[in-house]
Amino acid sequence: MRIVIIGGRGLIGRAVTEAAVAKGYDVVILSRQKVQTGINSAHVVLQHWDGKTAVDLVRIIDGLDAVVNLAGESIGKGAWTGERKAELLKSRLEPALALVEALKLCREAPKVLIQASALGYYGTTPGEKDESSPPGSDYLANFAVEWEGSTRAVEALGIRRVIIRTGIVLAKEEGVLPQLMLPFKLMVGGPVGSGKQIYSWIHIKDEAAAILYLLEKADASGAFNLTAPNPMSNSEIGKVLGKVMNRPYWMPVPGFALKLLLGEMSTLVLDGQKVMPRRLIESGFKFRFIDLHEALTDLLKNG
């Protein structure tokens, strides 16, 4: 199979590329950066794309089998000013809209599109959510709704579209886990805010495997939650992390302090979401890491 990954140099993109190459796929990674670095493999090609010119994209994707669209700047970097919010949305919508136009222009368009999204779609109201749950009404929910809708038009072209609503991705070198580990390294690990907020997490290996599984599964379409079926509270996660790292768990971080430090972005830490991967499980996907202790041990001891 020949696939193109837009935003393929990010955390998830790199993991998908590695897993795809292991299966013998040919992968084209698109990036706005021109530096030629990445996985050293004859199956991987890194190409520059400005993220907005449809005609240039046609030359790259015409005749390929699938597109994985992971484009978008990290929402966890930089204060959420009005200008920053506009940049975050633009970094997703601009490539997505150009992709739609490019697919319309292809002589032999890819048959499937994996479209990234996030669990923020469901908002932060209490209660367990799955793919049948409606969207929330806060900033992140409205953001996700617009993000997901940006590529809806490809369905009219006969292209199978899968939306992946990703939870908190656990990886050793990047993302949320290094931030969670820092207080423990300083011997001041403990609950953040109330500690009761639920985090819906997924191991990076399961994230990549699920994306390829949905890419290959011909009858998969629509939204799928990519999160392990074992969401846990901040306190529970902290205790497990302290045990794996052999560090104490005792020093609480007050919620008001994070609100002062991070402003509106503190919702990423202080507000939880209990989201289940109902459709992914029903489709037959098998997780490698359901137990958090095993997941963290794999990442920190075996990685």
Foldseek 3Di string as FASTA:
>chain_A
DEEEEEVLVDLLNLLLVVVCVVVVYQYEYEDCDPDPDHDPDPSYHYDYDNLAALVVVLVVFAPGAEYEYPWFDDPLDDAPDVVVLVRRLCRQLRNLLSPLVNQVVHPHGHQEYEAEAAPQLQPQDDDEAEQVHHGDDDDRNVSRVVSVVSNVVCVVVNHAYEYEHEFQEDAQPDGDVVVQCVCQVVLQAEAEAPQFAKGFYAYSNQSSVLVVVQSPPPPDHYYFYRGAQAIDTSHVLSVLSCVLVVGDYDHYHHLVVCCVVRPPSSCSPHGHHNYGGVVSVVVPDDGPDNDSNVSVCCRPVVD
